[in-house]
Amino acid sequence: MEGLRQPAFFFIFAAAALMIGLSPAFALFHLGEGSKMVTDLGLSTILTFSTLLALLTASSAITDEIEGRTAVTMLAKPLRREEFLLGKFFGVATATSALIALLAPVFLITLRGQKFMPEQDPWFCLAALCSLALALFLFGALLVLRLLFQRGLSLLLSFWLACFAGMVFLVVFLAIEKAPEASWDWQLLIGVFFICLHGWVISAAVVALATRFTLVQAAIGTGVFFIIGHVSGALVAPFRTVENTLTPVGLVLRAILPDLDQFNLTDALSLGYLDKACHISADVIAGSTLYALLYGAALLTLAAALLSKRELG
């Protein structure tokens, strides 16, 4: 709840939604590749901003509490340090997943609007504008009720209710039109789910770094972890044999270094608009999910070991 209430969440959501919404304007400079460009920019934007939110949320949830000695009061109760870290991780991961869940409809709607011109799909623009107006009106009404009369829902609940109402209205409004079946590319939700897996691993890494370092140091460490995670395949490549198997050194590096690039389906999904559509099999989804859970658990184990040796008093 603290992560969802902080102003950074709303600023990051607004900035990411604006970038995704404006992505068709950049696609105009790539003739014949508009859908590919929107998919590239949309998925990359969601991945980048979710990583930024994980960093900011973990810093306020862990670093500030440790340095401000708030954690000492919490741990004085019958609460183990491992439970403290696990709760913080679930909080950071939930806030990150909430941001991704909010940006996913924005991404799908933007891509749908880019693929079909208004004269081909006249209801789309009207539906998008009406849903946005409804969400803004509902949020404004609840905000005025809260500020003037000190009654009604909180700012956080008002925001979520307005977003939910706008999305439901858009889905219902578009359901009555006879749009082509291909207008919604639901396979992109697999790419969004993989970004959630990426966010969970990043959240575990940020929690581990926040137990021992300041905000700036944790930010630098997260950046290094992010870069290594997306280039680890190239770092391990020299240790592959002719039969494309890993040497013992390569196996050790593969087990230690994060493999975040497997969660990035941007190229596979975007190239489907230029060539044959790429099918993401169930075993790939299951394997990546298992890897995220195991590697995240290893990072949290490391975080517990680091926090156990830190003096909080």
C-alpha atoms as a PDB file:
ATOM      1  CA  MET A   1       0.000   0.000   0.000  1.00  0.00           C
ATOM      2  CA  GLU A   2       2.877   2.351   0.717  1.00  0.00           C
ATOM      3  CA  GLY A   3       4.313   1.709  -2.733  1.00  0.00           C
ATOM      4  CA  LEU A   4       0.952   2.346  -4.424  1.00  0.00           C
ATOM      5  CA  ARG A   5       0.366   5.541  -2.442  1.00  0.00           C
ATOM      6  CA  GLN A   6       3.689   7.208  -3.123  1.00  0.00           C
ATOM      7  CA  PRO A   7       3.621  10.036  -5.703  1.00  0.00           C
ATOM      8  CA  ALA A   8       6.372   8.312  -7.686  1.00  0.00           C
ATOM      9  CA  PHE A   9       3.928   5.560  -8.650  1.00  0.00           C
ATOM     10  CA  PHE A  10       1.507   8.011 -10.263  1.00  0.00           C
ATOM     11  CA  PHE A  11       4.259  10.015 -11.965  1.00  0.00           C
ATOM     12  CA  ILE A  12       5.847   6.860 -13.372  1.00  0.00           C
ATOM     13  CA  PHE A  13       2.478   5.556 -14.543  1.00  0.00           C
ATOM     14  CA  ALA A  14       1.615   8.871 -16.217  1.00  0.00           C
ATOM     15  CA  ALA A  15       5.023   9.148 -17.908  1.00  0.00           C
ATOM     16  CA  ALA A  16       4.978   5.545 -19.142  1.00  0.00           C
ATOM     17  CA  ALA A  17       1.369   5.781 -20.377  1.00  0.00           C
ATOM     18  CA  LEU A  18       2.199   9.021 -22.210  1.00  0.00           C
ATOM     19  CA  MET A  19       5.222   7.452 -23.912  1.00  0.00           C
ATOM     20  CA  ILE A  20       3.202   4.413 -24.955  1.00  0.00           C
ATOM     21  CA  GLY A  21       0.324   6.576 -26.176  1.00  0.00           C
ATOM     22  CA  LEU A  22       2.676   8.714 -28.284  1.00  0.00           C
ATOM     23  CA  SER A  23       4.538   5.739 -29.762  1.00  0.00           C
ATOM     24  CA  PRO A  24       2.423   5.704 -32.978  1.00  0.00           C
ATOM     25  CA  ALA A  25       3.784   9.186 -33.727  1.00  0.00           C
ATOM     26  CA  PHE A  26       7.314   7.758 -33.800  1.00  0.00           C
ATOM     27  CA  ALA A  27       6.099   4.841 -35.911  1.00  0.00           C
ATOM     28  CA  LEU A  28       5.143   7.244 -38.698  1.00  0.00           C
ATOM     29  CA  PHE A  29       8.828   7.497 -39.619  1.00  0.00           C
ATOM     30  CA  HIS A  30       9.044   3.720 -40.217  1.00  0.00           C
ATOM     31  CA  LEU A  31       6.825   3.012 -43.201  1.00  0.00           C
ATOM     32  CA  GLY A  32       5.368  -0.471 -43.158  1.00  0.00           C
ATOM     33  CA  GLU A  33       6.724  -1.176 -39.676  1.00  0.00           C
ATOM     34  CA  GLY A  34       4.302   0.820 -37.558  1.00  0.00           C
ATOM     35  CA  SER A  35       2.955  -2.086 -35.516  1.00  0.00           C
ATOM     36  CA  LYS A  36       6.466  -3.424 -34.953  1.00  0.00           C
ATOM     37  CA  MET A  37       7.676  -0.045 -33.680  1.00  0.00           C
ATOM     38  CA  VAL A  38       4.690   0.392 -31.340  1.00  0.00           C
ATOM     39  CA  THR A  39       5.252  -3.111 -29.947  1.00  0.00           C
ATOM     40  CA  ASP A  40       8.974  -2.449 -29.475  1.00  0.00           C
ATOM     41  CA  LEU A  41       8.459   0.871 -27.727  1.00  0.00           C
ATOM     42  CA  GLY A  42       5.490  -0.331 -25.664  1.00  0.00           C
ATOM     43  CA  LEU A  43       7.104  -3.440 -24.192  1.00  0.00           C
ATOM     44  CA  SER A  44      10.447  -1.669 -23.669  1.00  0.00           C
ATOM     45  CA  THR A  45       8.718   1.220 -21.877  1.00  0.00           C
ATOM     46  CA  ILE A  46       6.819  -1.098 -19.544  1.00  0.00           C
ATOM     47  CA  LEU A  47       9.991  -3.045 -18.729  1.00  0.00           C
ATOM     48  CA  THR A  48      12.079   0.084 -18.051  1.00  0.00           C
ATOM     49  CA  PHE A  49       9.553   1.936 -15.906  1.00  0.00           C
ATOM     50  CA  SER A  50       8.623  -1.151 -13.884  1.00  0.00           C
ATOM     51  CA  THR A  51      12.320  -1.570 -13.049  1.00  0.00           C
ATOM     52  CA  LEU A  52      12.496   2.086 -11.969  1.00  0.00           C
ATOM     53  CA  LEU A  53       9.442   1.684  -9.735  1.00  0.00           C
ATOM     54  CA  ALA A  54      10.911  -1.426  -8.091  1.00  0.00           C
ATOM     55  CA  LEU A  55      14.036   0.538  -7.227  1.00  0.00           C
ATOM     56  CA  LEU A  56      12.164   3.514  -5.763  1.00  0.00           C
ATOM     57  CA  THR A  57       9.686   1.363  -3.825  1.00  0.00           C
ATOM     58  CA  ALA A  58      12.373  -0.844  -2.291  1.00  0.00           C
ATOM     59  CA  SER A  59      14.441   2.166  -1.270  1.00  0.00           C
ATOM     60  CA  SER A  60      11.537   3.701   0.649  1.00  0.00           C
ATOM     61  CA  ALA A  61      10.377   0.362   2.053  1.00  0.00           C
ATOM     62  CA  ILE A  62      13.746  -0.967   3.242  1.00  0.00           C
ATOM     63  CA  THR A  63      16.610   1.542   3.070  1.00  0.00           C
ATOM     64  CA  ASP A  64      14.683   4.386   4.718  1.00  0.00           C
ATOM     65  CA  GLU A  65      13.317   2.102   7.442  1.00  0.00           C
ATOM     66  CA  ILE A  66      16.746   0.697   8.262  1.00  0.00           C
ATOM     67  CA  GLU A  67      18.494   4.070   8.246  1.00  0.00           C
ATOM     68  CA  GLY A  68      15.597   5.698  10.115  1.00  0.00           C
ATOM     69  CA  ARG A  69      15.627   2.872  12.675  1.00  0.00           C
ATOM     70  CA  THR A  70      11.975   2.097  12.026  1.00  0.00           C
ATOM     71  CA  ALA A  71      12.966  -1.474  11.279  1.00  0.00           C
ATOM     72  CA  VAL A  72      14.381  -1.796  14.797  1.00  0.00           C
ATOM     73  CA  THR A  73      10.914  -1.185  16.264  1.00  0.00           C
ATOM     74  CA  MET A  74       9.356  -3.719  13.909  1.00  0.00           C
ATOM     75  CA  LEU A  75      11.965  -6.390  14.595  1.00  0.00           C
ATOM     76  CA  ALA A  76      11.622  -5.873  18.341  1.00  0.00           C
ATOM     77  CA  LYS A  77       8.275  -7.613  18.012  1.00  0.00           C
ATOM     78  CA  PRO A  78       8.025 -11.367  17.355  1.00  0.00           C
ATOM     79  CA  LEU A  79       9.051 -10.846  13.737  1.00  0.00           C
ATOM     80  CA  ARG A  80      12.094 -12.504  12.234  1.00  0.00           C
ATOM     81  CA  ARG A  81      14.350 -10.684   9.796  1.00  0.00           C
ATOM     82  CA  GLU A  82      13.540 -13.234   7.103  1.00  0.00           C
ATOM     83  CA  GLU A  83       9.829 -12.513   7.491  1.00  0.00           C
ATOM     84  CA  PHE A  84      10.529  -8.791   7.363  1.00  0.00           C
ATOM     85  CA  LEU A  85      12.402  -9.168   4.058  1.00  0.00           C
ATOM     86  CA  LEU A  86       9.827 -11.518   2.574  1.00  0.00           C
ATOM     87  CA  GLY A  87       7.018  -9.085   3.343  1.00  0.00           C
ATOM     88  CA  LYS A  88       8.970  -6.201   1.818  1.00  0.00           C
ATOM     89  CA  PHE A  89       9.670  -8.243  -1.313  1.00  0.00           C
ATOM     90  CA  PHE A  90       6.005  -9.121  -1.807  1.00  0.00           C
ATOM     91  CA  GLY A  91       5.142  -5.451  -1.344  1.00  0.00           C
ATOM     92  CA  VAL A  92       7.668  -4.288  -3.954  1.00  0.00           C
ATOM     93  CA  ALA A  93       6.713  -7.068  -6.379  1.00  0.00           C
ATOM     94  CA  THR A  94       2.992  -6.306  -5.973  1.00  0.00           C
ATOM     95  CA  ALA A  95       3.476  -2.586  -6.628  1.00  0.00           C
ATOM     96  CA  THR A  96       5.573  -3.388  -9.706  1.00  0.00           C
ATOM     97  CA  SER A  97       3.001  -5.877 -10.993  1.00  0.00           C
ATOM     98  CA  ALA A  98       0.219  -3.333 -10.406  1.00  0.00           C
ATOM     99  CA  LEU A  99       2.025  -0.802 -12.595  1.00  0.00           C
ATOM    100  CA  ILE A 100       2.501  -3.413 -15.327  1.00  0.00           C
ATOM    101  CA  ALA A 101      -1.179  -4.397 -15.093  1.00  0.00           C
ATOM    102  CA  LEU A 102      -2.220  -0.759 -15.508  1.00  0.00           C
ATOM    103  CA  LEU A 103       0.064  -0.182 -18.491  1.00  0.00           C
ATOM    104  CA  ALA A 104      -0.949  -3.388 -20.303  1.00  0.00           C
ATOM    105  CA  PRO A 105      -4.405  -2.103 -21.415  1.00  0.00           C
ATOM    106  CA  VAL A 106      -2.833   1.206 -22.463  1.00  0.00           C
ATOM    107  CA  PHE A 107      -0.369  -0.723 -24.596  1.00  0.00           C
ATOM    108  CA  LEU A 108      -3.006  -2.973 -26.193  1.00  0.00           C
ATOM    109  CA  ILE A 109      -5.329  -0.052 -26.910  1.00  0.00           C
ATOM    110  CA  THR A 110      -2.494   1.995 -28.454  1.00  0.00           C
ATOM    111  CA  LEU A 111      -1.451  -0.875 -30.696  1.00  0.00           C
ATOM    112  CA  ARG A 112      -5.042  -1.520 -31.750  1.00  0.00           C
ATOM    113  CA  GLY A 113      -5.541   2.131 -32.617  1.00  0.00           C
ATOM    114  CA  GLN A 114      -2.312   2.185 -34.636  1.00  0.00           C
ATOM    115  CA  LYS A 115      -3.190  -0.909 -36.676  1.00  0.00           C
ATOM    116  CA  PHE A 116      -6.645   0.299 -37.721  1.00  0.00           C
ATOM    117  CA  MET A 117      -7.321   3.758 -39.121  1.00  0.00           C
ATOM    118  CA  PRO A 118     -10.406   5.636 -37.822  1.00  0.00           C
ATOM    119  CA  GLU A 119     -12.263   5.151 -41.095  1.00  0.00           C
ATOM    120  CA  GLN A 120     -11.742   1.382 -40.780  1.00  0.00           C
ATOM    121  CA  ASP A 121     -12.608   1.237 -37.092  1.00  0.00           C
ATOM    122  CA  PRO A 122     -14.694   4.376 -36.367  1.00  0.00           C
ATOM    123  CA  TRP A 123     -15.803   3.272 -32.926  1.00  0.00           C
ATOM    124  CA  PHE A 124     -12.312   2.991 -31.514  1.00  0.00           C
ATOM    125  CA  CYS A 125     -11.502   6.693 -31.124  1.00  0.00           C
ATOM    126  CA  LEU A 126     -14.934   7.416 -29.677  1.00  0.00           C
ATOM    127  CA  ALA A 127     -14.631   4.521 -27.226  1.00  0.00           C
ATOM    128  CA  ALA A 128     -11.150   5.575 -26.082  1.00  0.00           C
ATOM    129  CA  LEU A 129     -12.180   9.210 -25.560  1.00  0.00           C
ATOM    130  CA  CYS A 130     -15.375   8.270 -23.706  1.00  0.00           C
ATOM    131  CA  SER A 131     -13.556   5.851 -21.389  1.00  0.00           C
ATOM    132  CA  LEU A 132     -10.889   8.473 -20.616  1.00  0.00           C
ATOM    133  CA  ALA A 133     -13.545  11.114 -19.938  1.00  0.00           C
ATOM    134  CA  LEU A 134     -15.448   8.745 -17.655  1.00  0.00           C
ATOM    135  CA  ALA A 135     -12.313   7.876 -15.674  1.00  0.00           C
ATOM    136  CA  LEU A 136     -11.328  11.540 -15.257  1.00  0.00           C
ATOM    137  CA  PHE A 137     -14.862  12.563 -14.283  1.00  0.00           C
ATOM    138  CA  LEU A 138     -15.191   9.793 -11.692  1.00  0.00           C
ATOM    139  CA  PHE A 139     -11.764  10.500 -10.205  1.00  0.00           C
ATOM    140  CA  GLY A 140     -12.479  14.232 -10.091  1.00  0.00           C
ATOM    141  CA  ALA A 141     -15.854  13.723  -8.426  1.00  0.00           C
ATOM    142  CA  LEU A 142     -14.406  11.443  -5.769  1.00  0.00           C
ATOM    143  CA  LEU A 143     -11.523  13.869  -5.226  1.00  0.00           C
ATOM    144  CA  VAL A 144     -13.852  16.844  -4.735  1.00  0.00           C
ATOM    145  CA  LEU A 145     -16.012  14.818  -2.371  1.00  0.00           C
ATOM    146  CA  ARG A 146     -12.915  13.930  -0.345  1.00  0.00           C
ATOM    147  CA  LEU A 147     -11.431  17.438  -0.222  1.00  0.00           C
ATOM    148  CA  LEU A 148     -14.576  19.493   0.353  1.00  0.00           C
ATOM    149  CA  PHE A 149     -16.678  17.241   2.510  1.00  0.00           C
ATOM    150  CA  GLN A 150     -14.004  14.979   4.052  1.00  0.00           C
ATOM    151  CA  ARG A 151     -16.031  11.984   2.970  1.00  0.00           C
ATOM    152  CA  GLY A 152     -15.686   9.265   0.406  1.00  0.00           C
ATOM    153  CA  LEU A 153     -12.793   7.118  -0.713  1.00  0.00           C
ATOM    154  CA  SER A 154      -9.108   7.814  -0.338  1.00  0.00           C
ATOM    155  CA  LEU A 155      -7.031   9.172  -3.214  1.00  0.00           C
ATOM    156  CA  LEU A 156      -5.548   5.738  -3.895  1.00  0.00           C
ATOM    157  CA  LEU A 157      -8.875   3.922  -3.998  1.00  0.00           C
ATOM    158  CA  SER A 158     -10.389   6.695  -6.117  1.00  0.00           C
ATOM    159  CA  PHE A 159      -7.586   6.311  -8.652  1.00  0.00           C
ATOM    160  CA  TRP A 160      -7.974   2.552  -8.914  1.00  0.00           C
ATOM    161  CA  LEU A 161     -11.772   2.776  -9.117  1.00  0.00           C
ATOM    162  CA  ALA A 162     -11.568   5.369 -11.907  1.00  0.00           C
ATOM    163  CA  CYS A 163      -9.079   3.243 -13.867  1.00  0.00           C
ATOM    164  CA  PHE A 164     -11.222   0.133 -13.439  1.00  0.00           C
ATOM    165  CA  ALA A 165     -14.395   1.944 -14.509  1.00  0.00           C
ATOM    166  CA  GLY A 166     -12.701   3.379 -17.596  1.00  0.00           C
ATOM    167  CA  MET A 167     -11.337   0.000 -18.662  1.00  0.00           C
ATOM    168  CA  VAL A 168     -14.674  -1.770 -18.135  1.00  0.00           C
ATOM    169  CA  PHE A 169     -16.496   0.912 -20.112  1.00  0.00           C
ATOM    170  CA  LEU A 170     -13.990   0.602 -22.960  1.00  0.00           C
ATOM    171  CA  VAL A 171     -14.304  -3.182 -23.131  1.00  0.00           C
ATOM    172  CA  VAL A 172     -18.115  -3.061 -23.080  1.00  0.00           C
ATOM    173  CA  PHE A 173     -18.225  -0.242 -25.617  1.00  0.00           C
ATOM    174  CA  LEU A 174     -15.962  -2.027 -28.072  1.00  0.00           C
ATOM    175  CA  ALA A 175     -17.733  -5.345 -27.567  1.00  0.00           C
ATOM    176  CA  ILE A 176     -20.763  -4.144 -29.514  1.00  0.00           C
ATOM    177  CA  GLU A 177     -18.795  -3.263 -32.656  1.00  0.00           C
ATOM    178  CA  LYS A 178     -18.036  -5.742 -35.408  1.00  0.00           C
ATOM    179  CA  ALA A 179     -14.275  -5.321 -35.352  1.00  0.00           C
ATOM    180  CA  PRO A 180     -11.962  -7.785 -37.108  1.00  0.00           C
ATOM    181  CA  GLU A 181     -10.823 -10.610 -34.881  1.00  0.00           C
ATOM    182  CA  ALA A 182      -7.180  -9.710 -35.444  1.00  0.00           C
ATOM    183  CA  SER A 183      -7.672  -6.215 -34.035  1.00  0.00           C
ATOM    184  CA  TRP A 184      -6.671  -7.429 -30.578  1.00  0.00           C
ATOM    185  CA  ASP A 185      -3.354  -9.255 -30.373  1.00  0.00           C
ATOM    186  CA  TRP A 186      -3.813 -11.151 -27.124  1.00  0.00           C
ATOM    187  CA  GLN A 187      -0.460 -12.947 -27.454  1.00  0.00           C
ATOM    188  CA  LEU A 188       1.163  -9.692 -26.377  1.00  0.00           C
ATOM    189  CA  LEU A 189      -0.149 -10.427 -22.875  1.00  0.00           C
ATOM    190  CA  ILE A 190       2.433 -13.214 -22.724  1.00  0.00           C
ATOM    191  CA  GLY A 191       5.106 -10.579 -23.239  1.00  0.00           C
ATOM    192  CA  VAL A 192       3.535  -8.519 -20.443  1.00  0.00           C
ATOM    193  CA  PHE A 193       3.551 -11.574 -18.155  1.00  0.00           C
ATOM    194  CA  PHE A 194       7.248 -12.096 -18.884  1.00  0.00           C
ATOM    195  CA  ILE A 195       7.855  -8.475 -17.898  1.00  0.00           C
ATOM    196  CA  CYS A 196       6.152  -9.307 -14.585  1.00  0.00           C
ATOM    197  CA  LEU A 197       8.622 -12.178 -14.130  1.00  0.00           C
ATOM    198  CA  HIS A 198      11.434  -9.752 -14.932  1.00  0.00           C
ATOM    199  CA  GLY A 199      10.039  -7.351 -12.347  1.00  0.00           C
ATOM    200  CA  TRP A 200       9.941 -10.043  -9.670  1.00  0.00           C
ATOM    201  CA  VAL A 201      13.617 -10.894 -10.182  1.00  0.00           C
ATOM    202  CA  ILE A 202      14.550  -7.195 -10.202  1.00  0.00           C
ATOM    203  CA  SER A 203      12.515  -6.676  -7.009  1.00  0.00           C
ATOM    204  CA  ALA A 204      14.394  -9.486  -5.276  1.00  0.00           C
ATOM    205  CA  ALA A 205      17.722  -8.002  -6.400  1.00  0.00           C
ATOM    206  CA  VAL A 206      16.781  -4.508  -5.198  1.00  0.00           C
ATOM    207  CA  VAL A 207      15.645  -5.886  -1.829  1.00  0.00           C
ATOM    208  CA  ALA A 208      18.995  -7.674  -1.445  1.00  0.00           C
ATOM    209  CA  LEU A 209      20.951  -4.513  -2.302  1.00  0.00           C
ATOM    210  CA  ALA A 210      18.798  -2.290  -0.087  1.00  0.00           C
ATOM    211  CA  THR A 211      19.691  -4.336   2.995  1.00  0.00           C
ATOM    212  CA  ARG A 212      23.308  -3.147   2.868  1.00  0.00           C
ATOM    213  CA  PHE A 213      23.532  -0.053   0.662  1.00  0.00           C
ATOM    214  CA  THR A 214      22.121   3.458   0.403  1.00  0.00           C
ATOM    215  CA  LEU A 215      19.671   4.552  -2.286  1.00  0.00           C
ATOM    216  CA  VAL A 216      22.385   5.772  -4.667  1.00  0.00           C
ATOM    217  CA  GLN A 217      24.510   2.665  -4.170  1.00  0.00           C
ATOM    218  CA  ALA A 218      21.483   0.407  -4.605  1.00  0.00           C
ATOM    219  CA  ALA A 219      20.553   2.278  -7.793  1.00  0.00           C
ATOM    220  CA  ILE A 220      24.027   1.757  -9.223  1.00  0.00           C
ATOM    221  CA  GLY A 221      23.982  -1.893  -8.178  1.00  0.00           C
ATOM    222  CA  THR A 222      20.560  -2.403  -9.764  1.00  0.00           C
ATOM    223  CA  GLY A 223      21.801  -0.824 -12.995  1.00  0.00           C
ATOM    224  CA  VAL A 224      24.806  -3.162 -13.044  1.00  0.00           C
ATOM    225  CA  PHE A 225      22.560  -6.153 -12.291  1.00  0.00           C
ATOM    226  CA  PHE A 226      20.179  -5.096 -15.075  1.00  0.00           C
ATOM    227  CA  ILE A 227      22.965  -4.742 -17.650  1.00  0.00           C
ATOM    228  CA  ILE A 228      24.687  -7.996 -16.709  1.00  0.00           C
ATOM    229  CA  GLY A 229      21.348  -9.794 -16.760  1.00  0.00           C
ATOM    230  CA  HIS A 230      20.715  -8.747 -20.355  1.00  0.00           C
ATOM    231  CA  VAL A 231      24.233  -9.467 -21.658  1.00  0.00           C
ATOM    232  CA  SER A 232      24.942 -12.630 -19.665  1.00  0.00           C
ATOM    233  CA  GLY A 233      24.301 -14.742 -22.751  1.00  0.00           C
ATOM    234  CA  ALA A 234      27.243 -13.076 -24.496  1.00  0.00           C
ATOM    235  CA  LEU A 235      29.411 -13.475 -21.386  1.00  0.00           C
ATOM    236  CA  VAL A 236      28.713 -17.214 -21.263  1.00  0.00           C
ATOM    237  CA  ALA A 237      29.047 -17.755 -25.032  1.00  0.00           C
ATOM    238  CA  PRO A 238      32.884 -18.178 -25.030  1.00  0.00           C
ATOM    239  CA  PHE A 239      32.477 -21.160 -22.716  1.00  0.00           C
ATOM    240  CA  ARG A 240      30.340 -23.162 -25.150  1.00  0.00           C
ATOM    241  CA  THR A 241      31.785 -26.165 -26.957  1.00  0.00           C
ATOM    242  CA  VAL A 242      31.377 -27.080 -30.608  1.00  0.00           C
ATOM    243  CA  GLU A 243      28.342 -29.173 -29.656  1.00  0.00           C
ATOM    244  CA  ASN A 244      26.804 -26.006 -28.126  1.00  0.00           C
ATOM    245  CA  THR A 245      27.101 -27.371 -24.581  1.00  0.00           C
ATOM    246  CA  LEU A 246      28.550 -25.419 -21.675  1.00  0.00           C
ATOM    247  CA  THR A 247      31.917 -26.191 -20.138  1.00  0.00           C
ATOM    248  CA  PRO A 248      32.132 -26.538 -16.324  1.00  0.00           C
ATOM    249  CA  VAL A 249      33.150 -22.884 -16.056  1.00  0.00           C
ATOM    250  CA  GLY A 250      30.238 -21.937 -18.290  1.00  0.00           C
ATOM    251  CA  LEU A 251      27.815 -23.901 -16.127  1.00  0.00           C
ATOM    252  CA  VAL A 252      29.021 -22.065 -13.017  1.00  0.00           C
ATOM    253  CA  LEU A 253      28.683 -18.684 -14.725  1.00  0.00           C
ATOM    254  CA  ARG A 254      25.248 -19.588 -16.052  1.00  0.00           C
ATOM    255  CA  ALA A 255      24.099 -20.523 -12.538  1.00  0.00           C
ATOM    256  CA  ILE A 256      25.476 -17.333 -10.955  1.00  0.00           C
ATOM    257  CA  LEU A 257      24.806 -14.665 -13.584  1.00  0.00           C
ATOM    258  CA  PRO A 258      21.176 -13.597 -14.025  1.00  0.00           C
ATOM    259  CA  ASP A 259      19.545 -14.380 -17.349  1.00  0.00           C
ATOM    260  CA  LEU A 260      17.110 -11.492 -17.671  1.00  0.00           C
ATOM    261  CA  ASP A 261      17.159 -11.492 -21.452  1.00  0.00           C
ATOM    262  CA  GLN A 262      14.939 -14.581 -21.525  1.00  0.00           C
ATOM    263  CA  PHE A 263      12.111 -12.417 -20.156  1.00  0.00           C
ATOM    264  CA  ASN A 264      12.400  -9.979 -23.053  1.00  0.00           C
ATOM    265  CA  LEU A 265      10.065 -11.146 -25.827  1.00  0.00           C
ATOM    266  CA  THR A 266      10.052  -7.784 -27.600  1.00  0.00           C
ATOM    267  CA  ASP A 267      11.909  -8.963 -30.713  1.00  0.00           C
ATOM    268  CA  ALA A 268       9.970 -12.218 -31.009  1.00  0.00           C
ATOM    269  CA  LEU A 269       6.575 -10.530 -30.706  1.00  0.00           C
ATOM    270  CA  SER A 270       7.323  -7.434 -32.775  1.00  0.00           C
ATOM    271  CA  LEU A 271       8.881  -9.305 -35.697  1.00  0.00           C
ATOM    272  CA  GLY A 272       5.621 -11.226 -36.007  1.00  0.00           C
ATOM    273  CA  TYR A 273       4.138  -8.165 -37.709  1.00  0.00           C
ATOM    274  CA  LEU A 274       6.751  -8.337 -40.484  1.00  0.00           C
ATOM    275  CA  ASP A 275       7.130 -12.090 -40.858  1.00  0.00           C
ATOM    276  CA  LYS A 276       5.387 -15.185 -39.581  1.00  0.00           C
ATOM    277  CA  ALA A 277       3.916 -14.731 -36.103  1.00  0.00           C
ATOM    278  CA  CYS A 278       6.024 -16.239 -33.328  1.00  0.00           C
ATOM    279  CA  HIS A 279       4.274 -18.782 -31.092  1.00  0.00           C
ATOM    280  CA  ILE A 280       5.407 -18.859 -27.458  1.00  0.00           C
ATOM    281  CA  SER A 281       5.113 -22.474 -26.331  1.00  0.00           C
ATOM    282  CA  ALA A 282       3.885 -23.553 -22.903  1.00  0.00           C
ATOM    283  CA  ASP A 283       7.223 -25.140 -21.953  1.00  0.00           C
ATOM    284  CA  VAL A 284       8.997 -21.804 -22.520  1.00  0.00           C
ATOM    285  CA  ILE A 285       6.494 -20.030 -20.279  1.00  0.00           C
ATOM    286  CA  ALA A 286       6.787 -22.709 -17.569  1.00  0.00           C
ATOM    287  CA  GLY A 287      10.594 -22.749 -17.748  1.00  0.00           C
ATOM    288  CA  SER A 288      10.913 -18.973 -17.449  1.00  0.00           C
ATOM    289  CA  THR A 289       8.419 -18.871 -14.582  1.00  0.00           C
ATOM    290  CA  LEU A 290      10.340 -21.582 -12.702  1.00  0.00           C
ATOM    291  CA  TYR A 291      13.633 -19.757 -13.314  1.00  0.00           C
ATOM    292  CA  ALA A 292      12.198 -16.492 -11.961  1.00  0.00           C
ATOM    293  CA  LEU A 293      10.930 -18.230  -8.818  1.00  0.00           C
ATOM    294  CA  LEU A 294      14.195 -20.091  -8.156  1.00  0.00           C
ATOM    295  CA  TYR A 295      16.527 -17.185  -8.910  1.00  0.00           C
ATOM    296  CA  GLY A 296      14.326 -14.816  -6.903  1.00  0.00           C
ATOM    297  CA  ALA A 297      14.412 -17.238  -3.970  1.00  0.00           C
ATOM    298  CA  ALA A 298      18.213 -17.368  -4.203  1.00  0.00           C
ATOM    299  CA  LEU A 299      18.417 -13.565  -4.133  1.00  0.00           C
ATOM    300  CA  LEU A 300      16.118 -13.380  -1.120  1.00  0.00           C
ATOM    301  CA  THR A 301      18.249 -15.979   0.651  1.00  0.00           C
ATOM    302  CA  LEU A 302      21.283 -13.782  -0.014  1.00  0.00           C
ATOM    303  CA  ALA A 303      19.355 -10.757   1.258  1.00  0.00           C
ATOM    304  CA  ALA A 304      18.496 -12.582   4.493  1.00  0.00           C
ATOM    305  CA  ALA A 305      22.154 -13.493   4.978  1.00  0.00           C
ATOM    306  CA  LEU A 306      23.231  -9.878   4.406  1.00  0.00           C
ATOM    307  CA  LEU A 307      20.615  -8.472   6.787  1.00  0.00           C
ATOM    308  CA  SER A 308      21.459 -11.007   9.496  1.00  0.00           C
ATOM    309  CA  LYS A 309      25.010  -9.600   9.703  1.00  0.00           C
ATOM    310  CA  ARG A 310      23.951  -5.962   9.798  1.00  0.00           C
ATOM    311  CA  GLU A 311      23.703  -4.138  13.105  1.00  0.00           C
ATOM    312  CA  LEU A 312      20.360  -2.320  13.271  1.00  0.00           C
ATOM    313  CA  GLY A 313      20.536  -0.920  16.736  1.00  0.00           C
END
